């Protein structure tokens, strides 16, 4: 009877250690991934069009961001392309959201 109890405790400890290890790996991986993306702006060229990676800040609107990256172009077209490329259903954006804006080449 005591041997069965000790085996159950040993098995429980192994499971707890395994779950803890998995959790630790997840936390470290998440931290590493977040540390890579801490720059708010990056330029990316995809299929002949250049896109700027922007992390939305508090108070930003899609229209203002489109005007910043494309000074003299058609802002409506930039907003439309941005919504289409980022699969946005509306022009509402949230702080912390990462979007890609087409920039004038």
C-alpha atoms as a PDB file:
ATOM      1  CA  UNK A   1       0.000   0.000   0.000  1.00  0.00           C
ATOM      2  CA  UNK A   2       2.801   2.459   0.850  1.00  0.00           C
ATOM      3  CA  UNK A   3       4.664   1.589  -2.377  1.00  0.00           C
ATOM      4  CA  UNK A   4       1.602   2.492  -4.500  1.00  0.00           C
ATOM      5  CA  UNK A   5       1.247   5.808  -2.640  1.00  0.00           C
ATOM      6  CA  UNK A   6       4.928   6.670  -3.201  1.00  0.00           C
ATOM      7  CA  UNK A   7       4.635   5.832  -6.914  1.00  0.00           C
ATOM      8  CA  UNK A   8       1.604   8.117  -7.234  1.00  0.00           C
ATOM      9  CA  UNK A   9       3.499  10.959  -5.541  1.00  0.00           C
ATOM     10  CA  UNK A  10       6.533  10.392  -7.764  1.00  0.00           C
ATOM     11  CA  UNK A  11       4.325  10.431 -10.874  1.00  0.00           C
ATOM     12  CA  UNK A  12       2.640  13.637  -9.701  1.00  0.00           C
ATOM     13  CA  UNK A  13       6.025  15.319  -9.183  1.00  0.00           C
ATOM     14  CA  UNK A  14       7.163  14.297 -12.675  1.00  0.00           C
ATOM     15  CA  UNK A  15       3.986  15.719 -14.212  1.00  0.00           C
ATOM     16  CA  UNK A  16       4.339  18.985 -12.274  1.00  0.00           C
ATOM     17  CA  UNK A  17       7.983  19.323 -13.336  1.00  0.00           C
ATOM     18  CA  UNK A  18       7.085  18.626 -16.975  1.00  0.00           C
ATOM     19  CA  UNK A  19       4.249  21.171 -16.992  1.00  0.00           C
ATOM     20  CA  UNK A  20       6.505  23.740 -15.290  1.00  0.00           C
ATOM     21  CA  UNK A  21       9.201  23.179 -17.899  1.00  0.00           C
ATOM     22  CA  UNK A  22       6.719  23.629 -20.750  1.00  0.00           C
ATOM     23  CA  UNK A  23       5.407  26.816 -19.121  1.00  0.00           C
ATOM     24  CA  UNK A  24       8.942  28.173 -18.705  1.00  0.00           C
ATOM     25  CA  UNK A  25       9.776  27.483 -22.354  1.00  0.00           C
ATOM     26  CA  UNK A  26       6.555  29.243 -23.400  1.00  0.00           C
ATOM     27  CA  UNK A  27       7.335  32.307 -21.269  1.00  0.00           C
ATOM     28  CA  UNK A  28      10.913  32.555 -22.547  1.00  0.00           C
ATOM     29  CA  UNK A  29       9.805  32.152 -26.164  1.00  0.00           C
ATOM     30  CA  UNK A  30       7.135  34.828 -25.743  1.00  0.00           C
ATOM     31  CA  UNK A  31       9.627  37.221 -24.180  1.00  0.00           C
ATOM     32  CA  UNK A  32      12.095  36.641 -27.000  1.00  0.00           C
ATOM     33  CA  UNK A  33       9.449  37.188 -29.690  1.00  0.00           C
ATOM     34  CA  UNK A  34       8.221  40.393 -28.052  1.00  0.00           C
ATOM     35  CA  UNK A  35      11.740  41.745 -27.720  1.00  0.00           C
ATOM     36  CA  UNK A  36      12.286  41.341 -31.468  1.00  0.00           C
ATOM     37  CA  UNK A  37       9.325  43.490 -32.424  1.00  0.00           C
ATOM     38  CA  UNK A  38       9.865  46.521 -30.220  1.00  0.00           C
ATOM     39  CA  UNK A  39      10.594  48.956 -33.048  1.00  0.00           C
ATOM     40  CA  UNK A  40       7.477  50.871 -34.097  1.00  0.00           C
ATOM     41  CA  UNK A  41       8.509  51.340 -37.738  1.00  0.00           C
ATOM     42  CA  UNK A  42      10.138  49.051 -40.252  1.00  0.00           C
ATOM     43  CA  UNK A  43      10.219  49.156 -44.056  1.00  0.00           C
ATOM     44  CA  UNK A  44       9.270  45.943 -45.870  1.00  0.00           C
ATOM     45  CA  UNK A  45       9.134  45.437 -49.631  1.00  0.00           C
ATOM     46  CA  UNK A  46       6.597  42.840 -50.767  1.00  0.00           C
ATOM     47  CA  UNK A  47       5.552  42.113 -54.355  1.00  0.00           C
ATOM     48  CA  UNK A  48       6.923  45.367 -55.765  1.00  0.00           C
ATOM     49  CA  UNK A  49       5.124  47.539 -53.214  1.00  0.00           C
ATOM     50  CA  UNK A  50       6.961  48.926 -50.212  1.00  0.00           C
ATOM     51  CA  UNK A  51       5.148  48.646 -46.869  1.00  0.00           C
ATOM     52  CA  UNK A  52       6.045  50.333 -43.624  1.00  0.00           C
ATOM     53  CA  UNK A  53       5.396  48.339 -40.452  1.00  0.00           C
ATOM     54  CA  UNK A  54       3.776  50.621 -37.883  1.00  0.00           C
ATOM     55  CA  UNK A  55       2.775  49.914 -34.301  1.00  0.00           C
ATOM     56  CA  UNK A  56      -0.310  51.987 -33.561  1.00  0.00           C
ATOM     57  CA  UNK A  57       0.129  54.452 -30.711  1.00  0.00           C
ATOM     58  CA  UNK A  58      -2.599  55.962 -28.538  1.00  0.00           C
ATOM     59  CA  UNK A  59      -4.431  58.665 -30.494  1.00  0.00           C
ATOM     60  CA  UNK A  60      -3.364  57.421 -33.945  1.00  0.00           C
ATOM     61  CA  UNK A  61      -5.931  57.095 -36.695  1.00  0.00           C
ATOM     62  CA  UNK A  62      -5.582  55.198 -39.933  1.00  0.00           C
ATOM     63  CA  UNK A  63      -6.110  58.422 -41.875  1.00  0.00           C
ATOM     64  CA  UNK A  64      -3.314  60.266 -40.036  1.00  0.00           C
ATOM     65  CA  UNK A  65      -0.894  57.365 -40.479  1.00  0.00           C
ATOM     66  CA  UNK A  66      -1.725  57.164 -44.184  1.00  0.00           C
ATOM     67  CA  UNK A  67      -1.075  60.903 -44.555  1.00  0.00           C
ATOM     68  CA  UNK A  68       2.313  60.586 -42.808  1.00  0.00           C
ATOM     69  CA  UNK A  69       3.629  57.863 -45.118  1.00  0.00           C
ATOM     70  CA  UNK A  70       2.171  59.279 -48.337  1.00  0.00           C
ATOM     71  CA  UNK A  71       2.362  63.080 -48.196  1.00  0.00           C
ATOM     72  CA  UNK A  72       1.078  64.126 -51.600  1.00  0.00           C
ATOM     73  CA  UNK A  73      -0.835  61.025 -52.725  1.00  0.00           C
ATOM     74  CA  UNK A  74      -4.486  60.090 -52.538  1.00  0.00           C
ATOM     75  CA  UNK A  75      -5.069  59.358 -48.836  1.00  0.00           C
ATOM     76  CA  UNK A  76      -8.310  57.502 -49.580  1.00  0.00           C
ATOM     77  CA  UNK A  77      -6.404  55.068 -51.814  1.00  0.00           C
ATOM     78  CA  UNK A  78      -3.731  54.555 -49.159  1.00  0.00           C
ATOM     79  CA  UNK A  79      -6.368  53.857 -46.497  1.00  0.00           C
ATOM     80  CA  UNK A  80      -8.146  51.423 -48.838  1.00  0.00           C
ATOM     81  CA  UNK A  81      -4.893  49.573 -49.667  1.00  0.00           C
ATOM     82  CA  UNK A  82      -3.969  49.466 -45.989  1.00  0.00           C
ATOM     83  CA  UNK A  83      -7.331  48.029 -44.978  1.00  0.00           C
ATOM     84  CA  UNK A  84      -7.175  45.458 -47.782  1.00  0.00           C
ATOM     85  CA  UNK A  85      -3.574  44.384 -47.070  1.00  0.00           C
ATOM     86  CA  UNK A  86      -4.147  44.106 -43.299  1.00  0.00           C
ATOM     87  CA  UNK A  87      -7.582  42.452 -43.642  1.00  0.00           C
ATOM     88  CA  UNK A  88      -9.251  45.252 -41.670  1.00  0.00           C
ATOM     89  CA  UNK A  89     -13.038  45.388 -41.717  1.00  0.00           C
ATOM     90  CA  UNK A  90     -13.091  49.086 -40.799  1.00  0.00           C
ATOM     91  CA  UNK A  91     -10.684  51.981 -40.414  1.00  0.00           C
ATOM     92  CA  UNK A  92     -10.760  51.646 -36.609  1.00  0.00           C
ATOM     93  CA  UNK A  93      -7.355  50.722 -35.166  1.00  0.00           C
ATOM     94  CA  UNK A  94      -6.236  50.050 -31.596  1.00  0.00           C
ATOM     95  CA  UNK A  95      -3.070  51.069 -29.705  1.00  0.00           C
ATOM     96  CA  UNK A  96      -0.474  48.297 -29.891  1.00  0.00           C
ATOM     97  CA  UNK A  97      -1.883  46.932 -33.141  1.00  0.00           C
ATOM     98  CA  UNK A  98       0.693  46.330 -35.883  1.00  0.00           C
ATOM     99  CA  UNK A  99      -0.331  47.381 -39.386  1.00  0.00           C
ATOM    100  CA  UNK A 100       1.474  47.686 -42.686  1.00  0.00           C
ATOM    101  CA  UNK A 101       1.077  50.918 -44.681  1.00  0.00           C
ATOM    102  CA  UNK A 102       1.980  51.200 -48.374  1.00  0.00           C
ATOM    103  CA  UNK A 103       4.548  53.988 -48.795  1.00  0.00           C
ATOM    104  CA  UNK A 104       5.239  56.122 -51.798  1.00  0.00           C
ATOM    105  CA  UNK A 105       8.248  54.741 -53.683  1.00  0.00           C
END
